[in-house]
């Protein structure tokens, strides 16, 4: 399991673990480690804070993390918030990736609709999010489903982008996703 924090549209400053986006996802990382002790959970630390246009800065960091895991040949699920959801959708083409949990994803270029058919996708988005578009993530989930992706969209009524309203619900979605991915990986009857 790789946990992918959010970030900025453009920001070439070094990412620091005490900044809001990585701290927010540290709580998810901690909850996943605590509630899913059989899962190996690692939070990716980006070199730079921003997506940075065509550079797609965090994509390179996550591809490196996947390369580090390649020798073990263990399926990897991605949990990404905001820009982390965008990164997850872009790297979902890696053969190790088996699932994507996108929390309030930032998908301005239709990234969610392009997730490969062999990758399970769950999207959780607050209805009051004004930073990223819940309607767009819902449409992209439907487009992915129409292409044959095992895709699910979960709305959180009244929640905004920061996942601070009803945090237990957001954590529960992540824990359920991780447990379900583990079950799918070990069950011969679930593809």
C-alpha atoms as a PDB file:
ATOM      1  CA  UNK A   1       0.000   0.000   0.000  1.00  0.00           C
ATOM      2  CA  UNK A   2       1.369   3.380  -1.009  1.00  0.00           C
ATOM      3  CA  UNK A   3      -0.227   6.501   0.473  1.00  0.00           C
ATOM      4  CA  UNK A   4       0.042   9.579  -1.760  1.00  0.00           C
ATOM      5  CA  UNK A   5      -0.486  13.045  -0.282  1.00  0.00           C
ATOM      6  CA  UNK A   6      -1.905  16.028  -2.078  1.00  0.00           C
ATOM      7  CA  UNK A   7       0.051  19.069  -3.154  1.00  0.00           C
ATOM      8  CA  UNK A   8      -0.109  22.255  -5.156  1.00  0.00           C
ATOM      9  CA  UNK A   9      -0.772  22.912  -8.822  1.00  0.00           C
ATOM     10  CA  UNK A  10       2.625  24.613  -9.143  1.00  0.00           C
ATOM     11  CA  UNK A  11       5.250  24.680  -6.440  1.00  0.00           C
ATOM     12  CA  UNK A  12       8.908  23.822  -6.921  1.00  0.00           C
ATOM     13  CA  UNK A  13       9.822  24.147  -3.255  1.00  0.00           C
ATOM     14  CA  UNK A  14      10.963  21.003  -1.456  1.00  0.00           C
ATOM     15  CA  UNK A  15       8.210  18.997   0.167  1.00  0.00           C
ATOM     16  CA  UNK A  16       8.495  18.701   3.941  1.00  0.00           C
ATOM     17  CA  UNK A  17       6.789  16.094   6.169  1.00  0.00           C
ATOM     18  CA  UNK A  18       5.324  18.768   8.462  1.00  0.00           C
ATOM     19  CA  UNK A  19       3.379  20.516   5.676  1.00  0.00           C
ATOM     20  CA  UNK A  20      -0.428  20.165   5.695  1.00  0.00           C
ATOM     21  CA  UNK A  21      -0.809  17.658   2.817  1.00  0.00           C
ATOM     22  CA  UNK A  22       1.654  15.041   4.111  1.00  0.00           C
ATOM     23  CA  UNK A  23       0.474  15.525   7.712  1.00  0.00           C
ATOM     24  CA  UNK A  24      -3.138  14.964   6.658  1.00  0.00           C
ATOM     25  CA  UNK A  25      -2.204  11.702   4.955  1.00  0.00           C
ATOM     26  CA  UNK A  26       0.037  10.642   7.843  1.00  0.00           C
ATOM     27  CA  UNK A  27      -3.191  10.178   9.820  1.00  0.00           C
ATOM     28  CA  UNK A  28      -4.427   7.810   7.086  1.00  0.00           C
ATOM     29  CA  UNK A  29      -1.097   6.003   7.027  1.00  0.00           C
ATOM     30  CA  UNK A  30      -1.188   5.602  10.808  1.00  0.00           C
ATOM     31  CA  UNK A  31      -4.817   4.399  10.795  1.00  0.00           C
ATOM     32  CA  UNK A  32      -4.105   1.888   8.020  1.00  0.00           C
ATOM     33  CA  UNK A  33      -1.059   0.509   9.829  1.00  0.00           C
ATOM     34  CA  UNK A  34      -3.006   0.231  13.064  1.00  0.00           C
ATOM     35  CA  UNK A  35      -6.225  -1.250  11.675  1.00  0.00           C
ATOM     36  CA  UNK A  36      -4.704  -3.380   8.886  1.00  0.00           C
ATOM     37  CA  UNK A  37      -1.597  -4.902  10.499  1.00  0.00           C
ATOM     38  CA  UNK A  38      -1.158  -7.455   7.710  1.00  0.00           C
ATOM     39  CA  UNK A  39      -0.827  -4.736   5.070  1.00  0.00           C
ATOM     40  CA  UNK A  40       2.502  -3.098   4.371  1.00  0.00           C
ATOM     41  CA  UNK A  41       1.751   0.630   4.325  1.00  0.00           C
ATOM     42  CA  UNK A  42       4.215   3.275   3.175  1.00  0.00           C
ATOM     43  CA  UNK A  43       3.603   6.987   2.657  1.00  0.00           C
ATOM     44  CA  UNK A  44       5.468   8.418  -0.320  1.00  0.00           C
ATOM     45  CA  UNK A  45       7.357  11.634   0.288  1.00  0.00           C
ATOM     46  CA  UNK A  46       7.523  13.824  -2.798  1.00  0.00           C
ATOM     47  CA  UNK A  47      10.667  15.763  -3.575  1.00  0.00           C
ATOM     48  CA  UNK A  48       8.678  18.849  -4.639  1.00  0.00           C
ATOM     49  CA  UNK A  49       5.323  20.174  -3.410  1.00  0.00           C
ATOM     50  CA  UNK A  50       3.671  20.720  -6.801  1.00  0.00           C
ATOM     51  CA  UNK A  51       2.415  18.903  -9.893  1.00  0.00           C
ATOM     52  CA  UNK A  52       4.274  21.494 -12.012  1.00  0.00           C
ATOM     53  CA  UNK A  53       2.602  21.125 -15.397  1.00  0.00           C
ATOM     54  CA  UNK A  54       4.227  18.803 -17.900  1.00  0.00           C
ATOM     55  CA  UNK A  55       6.934  17.911 -15.328  1.00  0.00           C
ATOM     56  CA  UNK A  56       4.326  15.998 -13.272  1.00  0.00           C
ATOM     57  CA  UNK A  57       6.876  16.089 -10.449  1.00  0.00           C
ATOM     58  CA  UNK A  58       5.255  13.632  -7.970  1.00  0.00           C
ATOM     59  CA  UNK A  59       4.697  11.011 -10.685  1.00  0.00           C
ATOM     60  CA  UNK A  60       8.461  10.414 -10.826  1.00  0.00           C
ATOM     61  CA  UNK A  61       8.626   9.958  -7.038  1.00  0.00           C
ATOM     62  CA  UNK A  62       5.843   7.365  -7.058  1.00  0.00           C
ATOM     63  CA  UNK A  63       7.302   5.529 -10.058  1.00  0.00           C
ATOM     64  CA  UNK A  64      10.580   5.275  -8.091  1.00  0.00           C
ATOM     65  CA  UNK A  65       8.698   3.888  -5.080  1.00  0.00           C
ATOM     66  CA  UNK A  66       7.034   1.290  -7.339  1.00  0.00           C
ATOM     67  CA  UNK A  67      10.437   0.388  -8.822  1.00  0.00           C
ATOM     68  CA  UNK A  68      11.731  -0.186  -5.272  1.00  0.00           C
ATOM     69  CA  UNK A  69       8.887  -2.687  -4.728  1.00  0.00           C
ATOM     70  CA  UNK A  70       9.216  -4.438  -8.082  1.00  0.00           C
ATOM     71  CA  UNK A  71      11.604  -7.186  -6.927  1.00  0.00           C
ATOM     72  CA  UNK A  72       9.063  -8.386  -4.341  1.00  0.00           C
ATOM     73  CA  UNK A  73       6.352  -8.710  -7.046  1.00  0.00           C
ATOM     74  CA  UNK A  74       3.670  -7.831  -4.497  1.00  0.00           C
ATOM     75  CA  UNK A  75       0.479  -6.163  -5.784  1.00  0.00           C
ATOM     76  CA  UNK A  76       0.321  -2.523  -4.731  1.00  0.00           C
ATOM     77  CA  UNK A  77      -2.784  -0.490  -3.954  1.00  0.00           C
ATOM     78  CA  UNK A  78      -2.594   3.303  -3.968  1.00  0.00           C
ATOM     79  CA  UNK A  79      -4.426   5.668  -1.615  1.00  0.00           C
ATOM     80  CA  UNK A  80      -4.208   9.251  -2.871  1.00  0.00           C
ATOM     81  CA  UNK A  81      -5.782  12.516  -1.747  1.00  0.00           C
ATOM     82  CA  UNK A  82      -6.309  15.392  -4.172  1.00  0.00           C
ATOM     83  CA  UNK A  83      -3.108  15.636  -6.251  1.00  0.00           C
ATOM     84  CA  UNK A  84      -2.215  12.208  -4.830  1.00  0.00           C
ATOM     85  CA  UNK A  85      -5.374  10.890  -6.507  1.00  0.00           C
ATOM     86  CA  UNK A  86      -4.137  12.345  -9.794  1.00  0.00           C
ATOM     87  CA  UNK A  87      -0.740  10.728  -9.331  1.00  0.00           C
ATOM     88  CA  UNK A  88      -2.412   7.394  -8.519  1.00  0.00           C
ATOM     89  CA  UNK A  89      -4.479   7.527 -11.713  1.00  0.00           C
ATOM     90  CA  UNK A  90      -1.407   8.316 -13.836  1.00  0.00           C
ATOM     91  CA  UNK A  91       0.749   5.515 -12.376  1.00  0.00           C
ATOM     92  CA  UNK A  92      -2.112   2.979 -12.335  1.00  0.00           C
ATOM     93  CA  UNK A  93      -0.692   1.651 -15.629  1.00  0.00           C
ATOM     94  CA  UNK A  94       2.179   0.066 -13.693  1.00  0.00           C
ATOM     95  CA  UNK A  95       1.774  -3.745 -13.626  1.00  0.00           C
ATOM     96  CA  UNK A  96       2.180  -3.812  -9.814  1.00  0.00           C
ATOM     97  CA  UNK A  97      -0.829  -1.559  -9.236  1.00  0.00           C
ATOM     98  CA  UNK A  98      -4.006  -3.501  -8.435  1.00  0.00           C
ATOM     99  CA  UNK A  99      -6.184  -0.771  -6.912  1.00  0.00           C
ATOM    100  CA  UNK A 100      -6.657   2.971  -6.531  1.00  0.00           C
ATOM    101  CA  UNK A 101      -8.505   4.728  -3.729  1.00  0.00           C
ATOM    102  CA  UNK A 102      -8.881   8.366  -4.729  1.00  0.00           C
ATOM    103  CA  UNK A 103      -9.962  10.722  -1.948  1.00  0.00           C
ATOM    104  CA  UNK A 104     -11.309  14.032  -3.314  1.00  0.00           C
ATOM    105  CA  UNK A 105      -9.165  13.554  -6.425  1.00  0.00           C
ATOM    106  CA  UNK A 106      -7.892  16.373  -8.623  1.00  0.00           C
ATOM    107  CA  UNK A 107      -8.517  15.045 -12.128  1.00  0.00           C
ATOM    108  CA  UNK A 108      -8.550  18.104 -14.418  1.00  0.00           C
ATOM    109  CA  UNK A 109      -7.498  16.177 -17.525  1.00  0.00           C
ATOM    110  CA  UNK A 110      -9.788  13.156 -17.153  1.00  0.00           C
ATOM    111  CA  UNK A 111      -7.183  10.966 -15.430  1.00  0.00           C
ATOM    112  CA  UNK A 112      -9.797   8.966 -13.520  1.00  0.00           C
ATOM    113  CA  UNK A 113     -11.526   7.815 -16.686  1.00  0.00           C
ATOM    114  CA  UNK A 114      -8.224   6.366 -17.972  1.00  0.00           C
ATOM    115  CA  UNK A 115      -7.471   3.911 -15.159  1.00  0.00           C
ATOM    116  CA  UNK A 116      -6.719   0.490 -16.713  1.00  0.00           C
ATOM    117  CA  UNK A 117      -9.442  -2.153 -16.684  1.00  0.00           C
ATOM    118  CA  UNK A 118      -7.484  -4.544 -14.449  1.00  0.00           C
ATOM    119  CA  UNK A 119      -7.202  -1.959 -11.656  1.00  0.00           C
ATOM    120  CA  UNK A 120      -9.978  -1.582  -9.080  1.00  0.00           C
ATOM    121  CA  UNK A 121     -10.981   2.015  -8.432  1.00  0.00           C
ATOM    122  CA  UNK A 122     -12.862   3.537  -5.489  1.00  0.00           C
ATOM    123  CA  UNK A 123     -13.467   7.282  -5.368  1.00  0.00           C
ATOM    124  CA  UNK A 124     -14.635   9.082  -2.223  1.00  0.00           C
ATOM    125  CA  UNK A 125     -15.563  12.742  -2.649  1.00  0.00           C
ATOM    126  CA  UNK A 126     -17.296  15.312  -0.470  1.00  0.00           C
ATOM    127  CA  UNK A 127     -20.338  17.050  -1.961  1.00  0.00           C
ATOM    128  CA  UNK A 128     -19.185  20.449  -0.608  1.00  0.00           C
ATOM    129  CA  UNK A 129     -15.653  20.263  -2.043  1.00  0.00           C
ATOM    130  CA  UNK A 130     -14.821  23.575  -3.720  1.00  0.00           C
ATOM    131  CA  UNK A 131     -11.147  22.786  -4.457  1.00  0.00           C
ATOM    132  CA  UNK A 132     -11.676  19.721  -6.619  1.00  0.00           C
ATOM    133  CA  UNK A 133     -14.851  18.831  -8.496  1.00  0.00           C
ATOM    134  CA  UNK A 134     -16.983  16.011  -7.063  1.00  0.00           C
ATOM    135  CA  UNK A 135     -19.209  15.984 -10.168  1.00  0.00           C
ATOM    136  CA  UNK A 136     -16.150  15.517 -12.406  1.00  0.00           C
ATOM    137  CA  UNK A 137     -14.834  12.646 -10.288  1.00  0.00           C
ATOM    138  CA  UNK A 138     -18.256  11.024 -10.394  1.00  0.00           C
ATOM    139  CA  UNK A 139     -18.411  11.353 -14.210  1.00  0.00           C
ATOM    140  CA  UNK A 140     -14.909   9.956 -14.586  1.00  0.00           C
ATOM    141  CA  UNK A 141     -15.780   7.023 -12.328  1.00  0.00           C
ATOM    142  CA  UNK A 142     -18.828   6.303 -14.506  1.00  0.00           C
ATOM    143  CA  UNK A 143     -16.670   6.506 -17.669  1.00  0.00           C
ATOM    144  CA  UNK A 144     -14.144   4.088 -16.175  1.00  0.00           C
ATOM    145  CA  UNK A 145     -16.966   1.713 -15.192  1.00  0.00           C
ATOM    146  CA  UNK A 146     -18.376   1.904 -18.747  1.00  0.00           C
ATOM    147  CA  UNK A 147     -14.951   0.769 -20.034  1.00  0.00           C
ATOM    148  CA  UNK A 148     -15.054  -2.268 -17.726  1.00  0.00           C
ATOM    149  CA  UNK A 149     -13.147  -0.979 -14.697  1.00  0.00           C
ATOM    150  CA  UNK A 150     -14.387  -2.223 -11.319  1.00  0.00           C
ATOM    151  CA  UNK A 151     -15.157   1.352 -10.233  1.00  0.00           C
ATOM    152  CA  UNK A 152     -17.205   2.776  -7.372  1.00  0.00           C
ATOM    153  CA  UNK A 153     -17.985   6.375  -6.393  1.00  0.00           C
ATOM    154  CA  UNK A 154     -18.902   7.225  -2.788  1.00  0.00           C
ATOM    155  CA  UNK A 155     -20.250  10.671  -1.941  1.00  0.00           C
ATOM    156  CA  UNK A 156     -19.799  12.227   1.488  1.00  0.00           C
ATOM    157  CA  UNK A 157     -22.669  14.664   1.994  1.00  0.00           C
ATOM    158  CA  UNK A 158     -21.568  18.094   3.161  1.00  0.00           C
ATOM    159  CA  UNK A 159     -17.848  17.247   3.306  1.00  0.00           C
ATOM    160  CA  UNK A 160     -15.220  19.549   1.864  1.00  0.00           C
ATOM    161  CA  UNK A 161     -11.803  18.926   0.410  1.00  0.00           C
ATOM    162  CA  UNK A 162      -9.740  18.598   3.575  1.00  0.00           C
ATOM    163  CA  UNK A 163     -11.607  15.500   4.839  1.00  0.00           C
ATOM    164  CA  UNK A 164     -12.038  17.149   8.254  1.00  0.00           C
ATOM    165  CA  UNK A 165     -15.808  16.715   8.364  1.00  0.00           C
ATOM    166  CA  UNK A 166     -16.564  13.204   9.572  1.00  0.00           C
ATOM    167  CA  UNK A 167     -12.919  12.032   9.416  1.00  0.00           C
ATOM    168  CA  UNK A 168     -13.936   8.608  10.716  1.00  0.00           C
ATOM    169  CA  UNK A 169     -15.939   8.051   7.524  1.00  0.00           C
ATOM    170  CA  UNK A 170     -12.922   8.869   5.338  1.00  0.00           C
ATOM    171  CA  UNK A 171     -10.674   6.609   7.422  1.00  0.00           C
ATOM    172  CA  UNK A 172     -13.280   3.824   7.321  1.00  0.00           C
ATOM    173  CA  UNK A 173     -13.372   4.045   3.499  1.00  0.00           C
ATOM    174  CA  UNK A 174      -9.579   3.670   3.389  1.00  0.00           C
ATOM    175  CA  UNK A 175      -9.530   0.788   5.879  1.00  0.00           C
ATOM    176  CA  UNK A 176     -12.341  -1.013   4.028  1.00  0.00           C
ATOM    177  CA  UNK A 177     -10.499  -0.521   0.736  1.00  0.00           C
ATOM    178  CA  UNK A 178      -7.240  -1.943   2.105  1.00  0.00           C
ATOM    179  CA  UNK A 179      -8.977  -4.916   3.702  1.00  0.00           C
ATOM    180  CA  UNK A 180     -10.930  -5.628   0.523  1.00  0.00           C
ATOM    181  CA  UNK A 181      -7.781  -5.401  -1.600  1.00  0.00           C
ATOM    182  CA  UNK A 182      -6.058  -7.860   0.745  1.00  0.00           C
ATOM    183  CA  UNK A 183      -9.024 -10.220   0.572  1.00  0.00           C
ATOM    184  CA  UNK A 184      -9.066 -10.034  -3.229  1.00  0.00           C
ATOM    185  CA  UNK A 185      -5.354 -10.750  -3.355  1.00  0.00           C
ATOM    186  CA  UNK A 186      -5.627 -13.880  -1.205  1.00  0.00           C
ATOM    187  CA  UNK A 187      -8.951 -15.247  -2.475  1.00  0.00           C
ATOM    188  CA  UNK A 188      -8.745 -17.426  -5.597  1.00  0.00           C
ATOM    189  CA  UNK A 189     -12.393 -16.692  -6.470  1.00  0.00           C
ATOM    190  CA  UNK A 190     -12.100 -12.902  -6.627  1.00  0.00           C
ATOM    191  CA  UNK A 191     -10.449 -11.235  -9.568  1.00  0.00           C
END
